[in-house]
Structure formats: C-alpha cells, structure tokens
Amino acid sequence: MSEERRANVKEIKAMIQVATLAIPRERESRDMYRKAAKNAPGELSKQLFERLAKDEEQHALKLKAIIKYLKEELDRLKD
C-alpha cells in the first residue's frame, strides 16, 4: 500500500470515529428538544422545538449515511 493510500485510510478512519461519536450527541439534542417541546409554554415554542428535534434526527441519519460511505471507501482503499 502506498504512503498516500495509507494516509487516506488513516484520514477516513478518523472521520468515521468523529462521525460515530457525534451520533449520540445528535440524539441527546433531539431528546432535549422533544422534552422542551413537551413542556413548551405556547404553540410557537412547541413548534420550534419540534422542528429542532426533527433536524437533530436528520443529522443523525446523515451521519449514518456518511459513515456507510466512508466504510465503503475504506474497503475500496484496502483492496
């Protein structure tokens, strides 16, 4: 394996690690916003917190897709 390829593998592994660590944080944020929506004093704030919760869930899904892509790239580089 070339030096450049080794560097790419190392970089992809680091990106996978960061994205993997970020998913639980996105879920924690989602849960916090859901709780805030449940306890919101009015409809406007409830809608805002529900939207923010949805955004955090989408972030987690995007991170999962990124991880999948990066793992595929990693497999390709290792071949």
C-alpha atoms as a PDB file:
ATOM      1  CA  MET A   1       0.000   0.000   0.000  1.00  0.00           C
ATOM      2  CA  SER A   2       1.381   3.393  -0.993  1.00  0.00           C
ATOM      3  CA  GLU A   3       2.069   6.139   1.510  1.00  0.00           C
ATOM      4  CA  GLU A   4      -0.732   8.245   0.031  1.00  0.00           C
ATOM      5  CA  ARG A   5      -3.185   5.387   0.327  1.00  0.00           C
ATOM      6  CA  ARG A   6      -2.127   4.774   3.944  1.00  0.00           C
ATOM      7  CA  ALA A   7      -2.687   8.454   4.692  1.00  0.00           C
ATOM      8  CA  ASN A   8      -6.149   8.281   3.101  1.00  0.00           C
ATOM      9  CA  VAL A   9      -7.028   5.203   5.173  1.00  0.00           C
ATOM     10  CA  LYS A  10      -5.905   6.964   8.339  1.00  0.00           C
ATOM     11  CA  GLU A  11      -7.928  10.076   7.478  1.00  0.00           C
ATOM     12  CA  ILE A  12     -11.070   8.075   6.679  1.00  0.00           C
ATOM     13  CA  LYS A  13     -10.764   6.137   9.941  1.00  0.00           C
ATOM     14  CA  ALA A  14     -10.542   9.434  11.828  1.00  0.00           C
ATOM     15  CA  MET A  15     -13.639  10.769  10.048  1.00  0.00           C
ATOM     16  CA  ILE A  16     -15.550   7.583  10.866  1.00  0.00           C
ATOM     17  CA  GLN A  17     -14.557   7.904  14.505  1.00  0.00           C
ATOM     18  CA  VAL A  18     -15.705  11.529  14.746  1.00  0.00           C
ATOM     19  CA  ALA A  19     -18.992  10.848  12.959  1.00  0.00           C
ATOM     20  CA  THR A  20     -19.631   7.826  15.176  1.00  0.00           C
ATOM     21  CA  LEU A  21     -19.070   9.910  18.303  1.00  0.00           C
ATOM     22  CA  ALA A  22     -21.383  12.625  17.001  1.00  0.00           C
ATOM     23  CA  ILE A  23     -24.452  10.406  16.574  1.00  0.00           C
ATOM     24  CA  PRO A  24     -25.242  10.027  20.298  1.00  0.00           C
ATOM     25  CA  ARG A  25     -24.842  13.785  20.744  1.00  0.00           C
ATOM     26  CA  GLU A  26     -27.351  14.397  17.971  1.00  0.00           C
ATOM     27  CA  ARG A  27     -29.766  12.038  19.693  1.00  0.00           C
ATOM     28  CA  GLU A  28     -29.217  13.735  23.049  1.00  0.00           C
ATOM     29  CA  SER A  29     -30.005  17.073  21.441  1.00  0.00           C
ATOM     30  CA  ARG A  30     -33.079  15.583  19.787  1.00  0.00           C
ATOM     31  CA  ASP A  31     -34.309  14.281  23.123  1.00  0.00           C
ATOM     32  CA  MET A  32     -33.667  17.625  24.800  1.00  0.00           C
ATOM     33  CA  TYR A  33     -35.705  19.437  22.137  1.00  0.00           C
ATOM     34  CA  ARG A  34     -38.508  16.884  22.389  1.00  0.00           C
ATOM     35  CA  LYS A  35     -38.669  17.455  26.128  1.00  0.00           C
ATOM     36  CA  ALA A  36     -38.638  21.210  25.583  1.00  0.00           C
ATOM     37  CA  ALA A  37     -41.500  20.849  23.087  1.00  0.00           C
ATOM     38  CA  LYS A  38     -43.481  18.786  25.560  1.00  0.00           C
ATOM     39  CA  ASN A  39     -43.005  21.460  28.234  1.00  0.00           C
ATOM     40  CA  ALA A  40     -43.320  24.455  25.916  1.00  0.00           C
ATOM     41  CA  PRO A  41     -45.469  27.280  27.241  1.00  0.00           C
ATOM     42  CA  GLY A  42     -47.036  28.020  23.861  1.00  0.00           C
ATOM     43  CA  GLU A  43     -47.676  26.642  20.403  1.00  0.00           C
ATOM     44  CA  LEU A  44     -44.968  28.708  18.714  1.00  0.00           C
ATOM     45  CA  SER A  45     -42.210  27.487  21.024  1.00  0.00           C
ATOM     46  CA  LYS A  46     -43.570  23.929  20.807  1.00  0.00           C
ATOM     47  CA  GLN A  47     -43.358  24.032  17.011  1.00  0.00           C
ATOM     48  CA  LEU A  48     -39.843  25.444  17.140  1.00  0.00           C
ATOM     49  CA  PHE A  49     -38.591  22.725  19.491  1.00  0.00           C
ATOM     50  CA  GLU A  50     -40.303  20.001  17.470  1.00  0.00           C
ATOM     51  CA  ARG A  51     -38.591  21.316  14.337  1.00  0.00           C
ATOM     52  CA  LEU A  52     -35.224  21.402  16.081  1.00  0.00           C
ATOM     53  CA  ALA A  53     -35.751  17.822  17.295  1.00  0.00           C
ATOM     54  CA  LYS A  54     -36.526  16.744  13.740  1.00  0.00           C
ATOM     55  CA  ASP A  55     -33.390  18.498  12.478  1.00  0.00           C
ATOM     56  CA  GLU A  56     -31.249  16.656  15.025  1.00  0.00           C
ATOM     57  CA  GLU A  57     -32.749  13.328  13.963  1.00  0.00           C
ATOM     58  CA  GLN A  58     -31.920  14.176  10.340  1.00  0.00           C
ATOM     59  CA  HIS A  59     -28.351  14.998  11.363  1.00  0.00           C
ATOM     60  CA  ALA A  60     -28.017  11.540  12.950  1.00  0.00           C
ATOM     61  CA  LEU A  61     -29.354   9.889   9.787  1.00  0.00           C
ATOM     62  CA  LYS A  62     -26.957  11.895   7.611  1.00  0.00           C
ATOM     63  CA  LEU A  63     -24.050  10.894   9.826  1.00  0.00           C
ATOM     64  CA  LYS A  64     -25.019   7.230   9.485  1.00  0.00           C
ATOM     65  CA  ALA A  65     -25.059   7.623   5.698  1.00  0.00           C
ATOM     66  CA  ILE A  66     -21.669   9.326   5.778  1.00  0.00           C
ATOM     67  CA  ILE A  67     -20.239   6.538   7.910  1.00  0.00           C
ATOM     68  CA  LYS A  68     -21.583   3.934   5.490  1.00  0.00           C
ATOM     69  CA  TYR A  69     -19.997   5.769   2.556  1.00  0.00           C
ATOM     70  CA  LEU A  70     -16.679   6.158   4.370  1.00  0.00           C
ATOM     71  CA  LYS A  71     -16.596   2.473   5.280  1.00  0.00           C
ATOM     72  CA  GLU A  72     -17.179   1.591   1.630  1.00  0.00           C
ATOM     73  CA  GLU A  73     -14.314   3.889   0.653  1.00  0.00           C
ATOM     74  CA  LEU A  74     -12.135   2.310   3.310  1.00  0.00           C
ATOM     75  CA  ASP A  75     -12.882  -1.167   1.943  1.00  0.00           C
ATOM     76  CA  ARG A  76     -12.101   0.045  -1.571  1.00  0.00           C
ATOM     77  CA  LEU A  77      -8.775   1.502  -0.473  1.00  0.00           C
ATOM     78  CA  LYS A  78      -7.771  -1.648   1.373  1.00  0.00           C
ATOM     79  CA  ASP A  79      -8.311  -3.849  -1.698  1.00  0.00           C
END
